[in-house]
């Protein structure tokens, strides 16, 4: 067996071992591993969601944008995403997807890191950890918005705490 084949087999075995551990990469500390894994997974989900949304709007009427909140009205965040100049359309779509995937990754990484840290400090994984982590994560996500107001930050912190606490309580039931 040649040295190239030996190296290839060693690499494949290392990747398989990493997949069995369910860690995408090893940064040397469980907290860093958890944050990185959460960030990468959520950023990927955010990118797919944003790309699908922007592609949909480009296909429907040649205009980019996102649907806002409960009203269902379209928010045209990228007016240059109109399909007439394909290089600008693709550039605007990439910017939108990048920003949204970063926001999703930030939210997941912050929440996961805070939950882990609070569990280690307090010695218990309960709804209190989830509430604090959710509130801080909600505030962080609100601060990444283009026009973050004090009320929006508070509302997102409350919503984050409520969702995170509900998820923690319901995970114990089901």
N, C-alpha and C. Protein backbone atom coordinates (compact mmCIF):
# COMPACT_ATOMS: atom_id res chain seq x y z
N UNK A 1 0.86 -1.17 0.00
CA UNK A 1 0.00 0.00 0.00
C UNK A 1 0.91 1.23 0.00
N UNK A 2 0.58 2.21 -0.85
CA UNK A 2 1.42 3.40 -0.96
C UNK A 2 1.12 4.37 0.18
N UNK A 3 2.02 5.33 0.35
CA UNK A 3 1.83 6.30 1.43
C UNK A 3 0.62 7.19 1.17
N UNK A 4 0.30 7.44 -0.09
CA UNK A 4 -0.88 8.26 -0.42
C UNK A 4 -2.15 7.54 0.01
N UNK A 5 -2.22 6.24 -0.27
CA UNK A 5 -3.39 5.46 0.13
C UNK A 5 -3.51 5.39 1.65
N UNK A 6 -2.38 5.25 2.32
CA UNK A 6 -2.38 5.22 3.79
C UNK A 6 -2.88 6.54 4.36
N UNK A 7 -2.41 7.65 3.80
CA UNK A 7 -2.86 8.96 4.26
C UNK A 7 -4.34 9.16 3.97
N UNK A 8 -4.78 8.70 2.80
CA UNK A 8 -6.19 8.84 2.45
C UNK A 8 -7.07 8.05 3.42
N UNK A 9 -6.66 6.84 3.74
CA UNK A 9 -7.43 6.02 4.69
C UNK A 9 -7.44 6.65 6.08
N UNK A 10 -6.31 7.20 6.49
CA UNK A 10 -6.23 7.85 7.80
C UNK A 10 -7.17 9.04 7.85
N UNK A 11 -7.22 9.80 6.76
CA UNK A 11 -8.11 10.96 6.70
C UNK A 11 -9.58 10.53 6.75
N UNK A 12 -9.93 9.51 6.00
CA UNK A 12 -11.31 9.01 5.99
C UNK A 12 -11.69 8.50 7.38
N UNK A 13 -10.79 7.78 8.04
CA UNK A 13 -11.07 7.29 9.40
C UNK A 13 -11.26 8.45 10.37
N UNK A 14 -10.46 9.49 10.22
CA UNK A 14 -10.58 10.67 11.10
C UNK A 14 -11.92 11.36 10.89
N UNK A 15 -12.34 11.49 9.64
CA UNK A 15 -13.64 12.12 9.35
C UNK A 15 -14.77 11.28 9.91
N UNK A 16 -14.70 9.97 9.72
CA UNK A 16 -15.74 9.09 10.26
C UNK A 16 -15.82 9.20 11.78
N UNK A 17 -14.68 9.23 12.43
CA UNK A 17 -14.65 9.36 13.89
C UNK A 17 -15.29 10.67 14.32
N UNK A 18 -15.00 11.74 13.59
CA UNK A 18 -15.57 13.05 13.91
C UNK A 18 -17.08 13.06 13.71
N UNK A 19 -17.57 12.37 12.68
CA UNK A 19 -19.01 12.32 12.44
C UNK A 19 -19.71 11.51 13.51
N UNK A 20 -19.06 10.46 14.01
CA UNK A 20 -19.66 9.65 15.06
C UNK A 20 -19.79 10.44 16.36
N UNK A 21 -18.85 11.34 16.61
CA UNK A 21 -18.91 12.19 17.79
C UNK A 21 -19.94 13.29 17.63
N UNK A 22 -20.40 13.53 16.41
CA UNK A 22 -21.37 14.57 16.09
C UNK A 22 -20.76 15.98 16.25
N UNK A 23 -19.45 16.08 16.10
CA UNK A 23 -18.78 17.38 16.13
C UNK A 23 -18.23 17.65 14.75
N UNK A 24 -18.46 18.83 14.26
CA UNK A 24 -17.97 19.20 12.94
C UNK A 24 -16.48 19.52 12.98
N UNK A 25 -16.03 20.06 14.07
CA UNK A 25 -14.62 20.36 14.25
C UNK A 25 -14.31 20.40 15.73
N UNK A 26 -13.06 20.19 16.05
CA UNK A 26 -12.66 20.17 17.46
C UNK A 26 -11.79 21.38 17.74
N UNK A 27 -12.30 22.29 18.56
CA UNK A 27 -11.56 23.49 18.91
C UNK A 27 -10.87 23.37 20.26
N UNK A 28 -10.95 22.21 20.88
CA UNK A 28 -10.22 21.98 22.11
C UNK A 28 -11.00 22.20 23.40
N UNK A 29 -12.19 22.77 23.32
CA UNK A 29 -12.99 22.97 24.53
C UNK A 29 -14.46 22.74 24.17
N UNK A 30 -15.22 22.08 25.02
CA UNK A 30 -16.62 21.78 24.71
C UNK A 30 -17.46 23.04 24.43
N UNK A 31 -17.18 24.13 25.13
CA UNK A 31 -17.93 25.37 24.89
C UNK A 31 -17.69 25.88 23.48
N UNK A 32 -16.43 25.94 23.07
CA UNK A 32 -16.11 26.41 21.72
C UNK A 32 -16.66 25.48 20.65
N UNK A 33 -16.59 24.17 20.90
CA UNK A 33 -17.15 23.20 19.95
C UNK A 33 -18.65 23.40 19.78
N UNK A 34 -19.35 23.59 20.89
CA UNK A 34 -20.80 23.76 20.85
C UNK A 34 -21.18 25.04 20.11
N UNK A 35 -20.49 26.13 20.39
CA UNK A 35 -20.78 27.41 19.73
C UNK A 35 -20.53 27.29 18.24
N UNK A 36 -19.38 26.73 17.87
CA UNK A 36 -19.04 26.61 16.45
C UNK A 36 -20.01 25.72 15.70
N UNK A 37 -20.35 24.59 16.30
CA UNK A 37 -21.28 23.67 15.65
C UNK A 37 -22.65 24.32 15.47
N UNK A 38 -23.15 24.98 16.51
CA UNK A 38 -24.45 25.64 16.42
C UNK A 38 -24.43 26.75 15.37
N UNK A 39 -23.37 27.53 15.37
CA UNK A 39 -23.24 28.62 14.40
C UNK A 39 -23.27 28.09 12.98
N UNK A 40 -22.46 27.09 12.70
CA UNK A 40 -22.36 26.56 11.33
C UNK A 40 -23.69 25.95 10.88
N UNK A 41 -24.32 25.17 11.74
CA UNK A 41 -25.59 24.54 11.36
C UNK A 41 -26.69 25.58 11.13
N UNK A 42 -26.82 26.53 12.04
CA UNK A 42 -27.88 27.54 11.90
C UNK A 42 -27.59 28.49 10.75
N UNK A 43 -26.34 28.82 10.54
CA UNK A 43 -25.99 29.70 9.41
C UNK A 43 -26.34 29.02 8.09
N UNK A 44 -26.11 27.74 8.01
CA UNK A 44 -26.48 27.00 6.80
C UNK A 44 -27.99 27.00 6.58
N UNK A 45 -28.74 26.81 7.63
CA UNK A 45 -30.20 26.84 7.53
C UNK A 45 -30.67 28.23 7.13
N UNK A 46 -30.09 29.26 7.73
CA UNK A 46 -30.46 30.63 7.38
C UNK A 46 -30.13 30.96 5.94
N UNK A 47 -29.00 30.48 5.46
CA UNK A 47 -28.61 30.73 4.07
C UNK A 47 -29.58 30.07 3.10
N UNK A 48 -29.95 28.84 3.38
CA UNK A 48 -30.90 28.13 2.50
C UNK A 48 -32.25 28.83 2.51
N UNK A 49 -32.71 29.24 3.69
CA UNK A 49 -34.00 29.92 3.80
C UNK A 49 -33.98 31.24 3.04
N UNK A 50 -32.93 32.02 3.22
CA UNK A 50 -32.85 33.32 2.55
C UNK A 50 -32.71 33.16 1.04
N UNK A 51 -31.91 32.19 0.60
CA UNK A 51 -31.75 31.96 -0.84
C UNK A 51 -33.06 31.52 -1.47
N UNK A 52 -33.80 30.67 -0.78
CA UNK A 52 -35.09 30.23 -1.31
C UNK A 52 -36.07 31.39 -1.40
N UNK A 53 -36.11 32.23 -0.38
CA UNK A 53 -37.01 33.38 -0.39
C UNK A 53 -36.66 34.35 -1.51
N UNK A 54 -35.39 34.71 -1.62
CA UNK A 54 -34.96 35.66 -2.65
C UNK A 54 -35.17 35.08 -4.05
N UNK A 55 -34.90 33.80 -4.23
CA UNK A 55 -35.12 33.15 -5.52
C UNK A 55 -36.60 33.16 -5.89
N UNK A 56 -37.44 32.93 -4.91
CA UNK A 56 -38.88 32.96 -5.14
C UNK A 56 -39.32 34.32 -5.64
N UNK A 57 -38.87 35.38 -4.95
CA UNK A 57 -39.27 36.72 -5.37
C UNK A 57 -38.70 37.10 -6.72
N UNK A 58 -37.49 36.64 -7.02
CA UNK A 58 -36.91 36.91 -8.34
C UNK A 58 -37.72 36.21 -9.43
N UNK A 59 -38.17 34.99 -9.14
CA UNK A 59 -38.91 34.23 -10.13
C UNK A 59 -40.33 34.75 -10.32
N UNK A 60 -40.96 35.21 -9.25
CA UNK A 60 -42.35 35.66 -9.33
C UNK A 60 -42.48 36.94 -10.14
N UNK A 61 -41.79 37.98 -9.72
CA UNK A 61 -41.96 39.24 -10.45
C UNK A 61 -40.66 39.99 -10.67
N UNK A 62 -39.54 39.32 -10.45
CA UNK A 62 -38.27 39.96 -10.75
C UNK A 62 -37.83 40.97 -9.72
N UNK A 63 -38.43 40.96 -8.54
CA UNK A 63 -38.05 41.90 -7.51
C UNK A 63 -37.68 41.14 -6.25
N UNK A 64 -36.66 41.60 -5.58
CA UNK A 64 -36.24 40.96 -4.34
C UNK A 64 -36.95 41.58 -3.16
N UNK A 65 -36.89 40.91 -2.07
CA UNK A 65 -37.47 41.45 -0.86
C UNK A 65 -37.88 40.34 0.06
N UNK A 66 -38.34 40.71 1.19
CA UNK A 66 -38.77 39.71 2.14
C UNK A 66 -40.14 40.07 2.66
N UNK A 67 -40.87 39.08 3.10
CA UNK A 67 -42.19 39.31 3.66
C UNK A 67 -42.02 39.76 5.09
N UNK A 68 -42.67 40.85 5.44
CA UNK A 68 -42.49 41.38 6.80
C UNK A 68 -43.58 40.86 7.72
N UNK A 69 -43.14 40.43 8.86
CA UNK A 69 -43.96 40.08 10.01
C UNK A 69 -45.33 39.54 9.76
N UNK A 70 -46.30 40.05 10.53
CA UNK A 70 -47.66 39.53 10.52
C UNK A 70 -48.51 40.12 9.40
N UNK A 71 -48.09 41.25 8.83
CA UNK A 71 -48.91 41.88 7.80
C UNK A 71 -48.82 41.16 6.48
N UNK A 72 -47.70 40.47 6.22
CA UNK A 72 -47.54 39.77 4.96
C UNK A 72 -47.14 40.69 3.82
N UNK A 73 -46.93 41.95 4.11
CA UNK A 73 -46.53 42.88 3.06
C UNK A 73 -45.06 42.67 2.73
N UNK A 74 -44.69 42.99 1.51
CA UNK A 74 -43.33 42.77 1.08
C UNK A 74 -42.46 43.96 1.44
N UNK A 75 -41.34 43.69 2.05
CA UNK A 75 -40.38 44.72 2.39
C UNK A 75 -39.28 44.65 1.33
N UNK A 76 -39.11 45.70 0.57
CA UNK A 76 -38.11 45.68 -0.49
C UNK A 76 -36.77 46.17 0.06
N UNK A 77 -36.02 45.22 0.60
CA UNK A 77 -34.74 45.57 1.19
C UNK A 77 -33.67 45.74 0.13
N UNK A 78 -33.86 45.15 -1.04
CA UNK A 78 -32.90 45.25 -2.13
C UNK A 78 -33.61 45.65 -3.41
N UNK A 79 -33.86 46.95 -3.62
CA UNK A 79 -34.57 47.37 -4.82
C UNK A 79 -33.80 47.07 -6.09
N UNK A 80 -32.46 46.92 -6.02
CA UNK A 80 -31.70 46.62 -7.22
C UNK A 80 -31.80 45.16 -7.63
N UNK A 81 -32.48 44.35 -6.83
CA UNK A 81 -32.64 42.94 -7.14
C UNK A 81 -33.88 42.78 -8.01
N UNK A 82 -33.76 43.18 -9.27
CA UNK A 82 -34.94 43.20 -10.14
C UNK A 82 -34.79 42.34 -11.37
N UNK A 83 -33.68 41.65 -11.53
CA UNK A 83 -33.54 40.73 -12.64
C UNK A 83 -33.07 41.37 -13.93
N UNK A 84 -33.06 42.70 -14.03
CA UNK A 84 -32.64 43.32 -15.29
C UNK A 84 -31.14 43.24 -15.48
N UNK A 85 -30.38 43.42 -14.44
CA UNK A 85 -28.94 43.29 -14.51
C UNK A 85 -28.56 42.11 -13.64
N UNK A 86 -28.26 40.98 -14.30
CA UNK A 86 -28.10 39.74 -13.53
C UNK A 86 -26.93 39.80 -12.56
N UNK A 87 -25.86 40.53 -12.87
CA UNK A 87 -24.74 40.58 -11.93
C UNK A 87 -25.12 41.34 -10.66
N UNK A 88 -25.90 42.43 -10.80
CA UNK A 88 -26.35 43.14 -9.60
C UNK A 88 -27.37 42.31 -8.84
N UNK A 89 -28.22 41.60 -9.54
CA UNK A 89 -29.23 40.77 -8.88
C UNK A 89 -28.56 39.67 -8.05
N UNK A 90 -27.59 39.03 -8.63
CA UNK A 90 -26.89 37.96 -7.91
C UNK A 90 -26.11 38.55 -6.74
N UNK A 91 -25.47 39.69 -6.95
CA UNK A 91 -24.72 40.33 -5.86
C UNK A 91 -25.63 40.70 -4.70
N UNK A 92 -26.78 41.28 -5.01
CA UNK A 92 -27.72 41.65 -3.96
C UNK A 92 -28.25 40.42 -3.23
N UNK A 93 -28.49 39.34 -3.98
CA UNK A 93 -28.97 38.12 -3.36
C UNK A 93 -27.91 37.53 -2.44
N UNK A 94 -26.66 37.54 -2.87
CA UNK A 94 -25.57 37.02 -2.04
C UNK A 94 -25.44 37.84 -0.76
N UNK A 95 -25.57 39.16 -0.87
CA UNK A 95 -25.51 40.01 0.32
C UNK A 95 -26.63 39.68 1.29
N UNK A 96 -27.82 39.50 0.76
CA UNK A 96 -28.97 39.19 1.60
C UNK A 96 -28.79 37.84 2.29
N UNK A 97 -28.37 36.85 1.53
CA UNK A 97 -28.18 35.51 2.08
C UNK A 97 -27.08 35.52 3.13
N UNK A 98 -26.00 36.24 2.86
CA UNK A 98 -24.89 36.31 3.81
C UNK A 98 -25.30 36.95 5.12
N UNK A 99 -26.03 38.05 5.03
CA UNK A 99 -26.46 38.75 6.24
C UNK A 99 -27.40 37.87 7.06
N UNK A 100 -28.34 37.24 6.38
CA UNK A 100 -29.30 36.42 7.12
C UNK A 100 -28.65 35.19 7.73
N UNK A 101 -27.73 34.56 7.01
CA UNK A 101 -27.07 33.38 7.58
C UNK A 101 -26.20 33.78 8.77
N UNK A 102 -25.59 34.95 8.71
CA UNK A 102 -24.82 35.43 9.86
C UNK A 102 -25.72 35.66 11.07
N UNK A 103 -26.91 36.23 10.84
CA UNK A 103 -27.84 36.46 11.95
C UNK A 103 -28.30 35.14 12.57
N UNK A 104 -28.63 34.17 11.74
CA UNK A 104 -29.05 32.87 12.25
C UNK A 104 -27.93 32.22 13.03
N UNK A 105 -26.72 32.27 12.48
CA UNK A 105 -25.57 31.67 13.15
C UNK A 105 -25.26 32.36 14.46
N UNK A 106 -25.34 33.69 14.47
CA UNK A 106 -25.12 34.46 15.70
C UNK A 106 -26.11 34.04 16.77
N UNK A 107 -27.37 33.96 16.40
CA UNK A 107 -28.40 33.60 17.38
C UNK A 107 -28.14 32.21 17.95
N UNK A 108 -27.86 31.25 17.10
CA UNK A 108 -27.64 29.88 17.58
C UNK A 108 -26.37 29.77 18.42
N UNK A 109 -25.29 30.41 17.96
CA UNK A 109 -24.04 30.35 18.70
C UNK A 109 -24.13 31.00 20.06
N UNK A 110 -24.74 32.19 20.12
CA UNK A 110 -24.89 32.89 21.39
C UNK A 110 -25.76 32.08 22.35
N UNK A 111 -26.89 31.60 21.86
CA UNK A 111 -27.81 30.84 22.72
C UNK A 111 -27.15 29.56 23.23
N UNK A 112 -26.53 28.83 22.35
CA UNK A 112 -25.90 27.57 22.74
C UNK A 112 -24.76 27.81 23.73
N UNK A 113 -23.94 28.81 23.46
CA UNK A 113 -22.83 29.12 24.36
C UNK A 113 -23.30 29.57 25.73
N UNK A 114 -24.33 30.42 25.76
CA UNK A 114 -24.85 30.88 27.04
C UNK A 114 -25.49 29.75 27.83
N UNK A 115 -26.25 28.92 27.15
CA UNK A 115 -26.89 27.79 27.83
C UNK A 115 -25.84 26.87 28.44
N UNK A 116 -24.81 26.55 27.67
CA UNK A 116 -23.74 25.69 28.16
C UNK A 116 -23.02 26.35 29.34
N UNK A 117 -22.66 27.62 29.18
CA UNK A 117 -21.95 28.33 30.24
C UNK A 117 -22.75 28.42 31.52
N UNK A 118 -24.03 28.76 31.40
CA UNK A 118 -24.87 28.85 32.59
C UNK A 118 -25.06 27.49 33.26
N UNK A 119 -25.15 26.44 32.46
CA UNK A 119 -25.26 25.09 33.03
C UNK A 119 -24.00 24.74 33.80
N UNK A 120 -22.85 25.08 33.25
CA UNK A 120 -21.59 24.78 33.94
C UNK A 120 -21.45 25.60 35.22
N UNK A 121 -21.83 26.87 35.18
CA UNK A 121 -21.68 27.74 36.35
C UNK A 121 -22.67 27.37 37.45
N UNK A 122 -23.93 27.17 37.07
CA UNK A 122 -24.96 26.89 38.08
C UNK A 122 -25.04 25.43 38.45
N UNK A 123 -24.54 24.54 37.60
CA UNK A 123 -24.59 23.12 37.90
C UNK A 123 -25.94 22.48 37.62
N UNK A 124 -26.81 23.20 36.91
CA UNK A 124 -28.13 22.66 36.59
C UNK A 124 -28.57 23.18 35.23
N UNK A 125 -29.23 22.32 34.49
CA UNK A 125 -29.81 22.74 33.20
C UNK A 125 -31.32 22.82 33.39
N UNK A 126 -31.82 24.04 33.54
CA UNK A 126 -33.25 24.21 33.81
C UNK A 126 -33.79 25.40 33.01
N UNK A 127 -35.04 25.74 33.27
CA UNK A 127 -35.71 26.80 32.53
C UNK A 127 -35.08 28.16 32.78
N UNK A 128 -34.45 28.34 33.92
CA UNK A 128 -33.82 29.64 34.23
C UNK A 128 -32.66 29.92 33.27
N UNK A 129 -31.84 28.91 33.04
CA UNK A 129 -30.75 29.06 32.06
C UNK A 129 -31.31 29.39 30.69
N UNK A 130 -32.36 28.69 30.30
CA UNK A 130 -32.95 28.93 28.99
C UNK A 130 -33.53 30.33 28.88
N UNK A 131 -34.16 30.81 29.95
CA UNK A 131 -34.75 32.15 29.93
C UNK A 131 -33.68 33.23 29.77
N UNK A 132 -32.60 33.12 30.53
CA UNK A 132 -31.53 34.11 30.44
C UNK A 132 -30.86 34.04 29.07
N UNK A 133 -30.54 32.84 28.60
CA UNK A 133 -29.90 32.69 27.29
C UNK A 133 -30.82 33.20 26.18
N UNK A 134 -32.10 32.91 26.27
CA UNK A 134 -33.05 33.38 25.26
C UNK A 134 -33.18 34.89 25.25
N UNK A 135 -33.20 35.50 26.42
CA UNK A 135 -33.32 36.96 26.51
C UNK A 135 -32.09 37.65 25.91
N UNK A 136 -30.91 37.17 26.25
CA UNK A 136 -29.69 37.78 25.71
C UNK A 136 -29.59 37.54 24.20
N UNK A 137 -29.96 36.35 23.76
CA UNK A 137 -29.94 36.06 22.33
C UNK A 137 -30.94 36.92 21.58
N UNK A 138 -32.14 37.07 22.11
CA UNK A 138 -33.14 37.93 21.47
C UNK A 138 -32.67 39.36 21.34
N UNK A 139 -32.04 39.87 22.39
CA UNK A 139 -31.50 41.24 22.33
C UNK A 139 -30.38 41.35 21.30
N UNK A 140 -29.52 40.34 21.24
CA UNK A 140 -28.43 40.35 20.25
C UNK A 140 -28.96 40.33 18.82
N UNK A 141 -29.99 39.54 18.59
CA UNK A 141 -30.57 39.48 17.24
C UNK A 141 -31.22 40.83 16.89
N UNK A 142 -31.90 41.44 17.85
CA UNK A 142 -32.53 42.74 17.60
C UNK A 142 -31.48 43.79 17.28
N UNK A 143 -30.34 43.72 17.92
CA UNK A 143 -29.29 44.70 17.67
C UNK A 143 -28.65 44.56 16.30
N UNK A 144 -28.81 43.40 15.64
CA UNK A 144 -28.29 43.24 14.28
C UNK A 144 -29.23 43.81 13.23
N UNK A 145 -30.41 44.23 13.64
CA UNK A 145 -31.38 44.81 12.73
C UNK A 145 -30.89 46.17 12.22
N UNK A 146 -31.38 46.56 11.05
CA UNK A 146 -30.98 47.83 10.46
C UNK A 146 -31.43 49.02 11.30
N UNK A 147 -32.59 48.93 11.88
CA UNK A 147 -33.11 50.05 12.68
C UNK A 147 -33.56 49.54 14.04
N UNK A 148 -32.59 49.23 14.89
CA UNK A 148 -32.90 48.69 16.21
C UNK A 148 -33.25 49.81 17.17
N UNK A 149 -34.44 49.73 17.73
CA UNK A 149 -34.87 50.69 18.74
C UNK A 149 -34.84 50.01 20.10
N UNK A 150 -34.95 50.80 21.14
CA UNK A 150 -34.94 50.26 22.49
C UNK A 150 -36.11 49.30 22.69
N UNK A 151 -37.29 49.71 22.20
CA UNK A 151 -38.47 48.85 22.35
C UNK A 151 -38.32 47.54 21.61
N UNK A 152 -37.72 47.59 20.42
CA UNK A 152 -37.53 46.37 19.64
C UNK A 152 -36.57 45.42 20.36
N UNK A 153 -35.52 45.95 20.95
CA UNK A 153 -34.56 45.12 21.68
C UNK A 153 -35.25 44.45 22.87
N UNK A 154 -36.05 45.21 23.61
CA UNK A 154 -36.76 44.66 24.77
C UNK A 154 -37.78 43.60 24.32
N UNK A 155 -38.52 43.88 23.25
CA UNK A 155 -39.51 42.92 22.76
C UNK A 155 -38.83 41.62 22.31
N UNK A 156 -37.72 41.74 21.61
CA UNK A 156 -37.01 40.54 21.15
C UNK A 156 -36.41 39.77 22.32
N UNK A 157 -35.95 40.48 23.34
CA UNK A 157 -35.42 39.81 24.53
C UNK A 157 -36.52 39.03 25.24
N UNK A 158 -37.69 39.64 25.37
CA UNK A 158 -38.82 38.96 26.02
C UNK A 158 -39.26 37.76 25.19
N UNK A 159 -39.37 37.94 23.87
CA UNK A 159 -39.78 36.84 23.00
C UNK A 159 -38.75 35.71 23.03
N UNK A 160 -37.47 36.06 23.01
CA UNK A 160 -36.43 35.04 23.07
C UNK A 160 -36.48 34.25 24.37
N UNK A 161 -36.68 34.96 25.48
CA UNK A 161 -36.77 34.28 26.77
C UNK A 161 -37.99 33.36 26.82
N UNK A 162 -39.11 33.84 26.31
CA UNK A 162 -40.33 33.03 26.33
C UNK A 162 -40.19 31.79 25.45
N UNK A 163 -39.66 31.95 24.25
CA UNK A 163 -39.51 30.80 23.34
C UNK A 163 -38.52 29.78 23.89
N UNK A 164 -37.41 30.28 24.40
CA UNK A 164 -36.39 29.38 24.91
C UNK A 164 -36.89 28.63 26.15
N UNK A 165 -37.60 29.32 27.02
CA UNK A 165 -38.15 28.68 28.22
C UNK A 165 -39.20 27.65 27.84
N UNK A 166 -40.07 28.00 26.90
CA UNK A 166 -41.10 27.05 26.45
C UNK A 166 -40.46 25.82 25.83
N UNK A 167 -39.43 26.01 25.01
CA UNK A 167 -38.76 24.86 24.40
C UNK A 167 -38.13 23.96 25.47
N UNK A 168 -37.54 24.56 26.49
CA UNK A 168 -36.92 23.78 27.56
C UNK A 168 -37.97 23.01 28.35
N UNK A 169 -39.07 23.66 28.69
CA UNK A 169 -40.13 22.99 29.46
C UNK A 169 -40.77 21.88 28.62
N UNK A 170 -41.06 22.16 27.36
CA UNK A 170 -41.70 21.16 26.52
C UNK A 170 -40.77 19.99 26.19
N UNK A 171 -39.47 20.24 26.13
CA UNK A 171 -38.56 19.12 25.86
C UNK A 171 -38.55 18.13 27.02
N UNK A 172 -38.86 18.59 28.23
CA UNK A 172 -38.96 17.69 29.37
C UNK A 172 -40.24 16.89 29.37
N UNK A 173 -41.27 17.40 28.71
CA UNK A 173 -42.57 16.72 28.68
C UNK A 173 -42.60 15.66 27.58
N UNK A 174 -42.07 16.01 26.43
CA UNK A 174 -42.14 15.10 25.28
C UNK A 174 -40.91 14.32 25.19
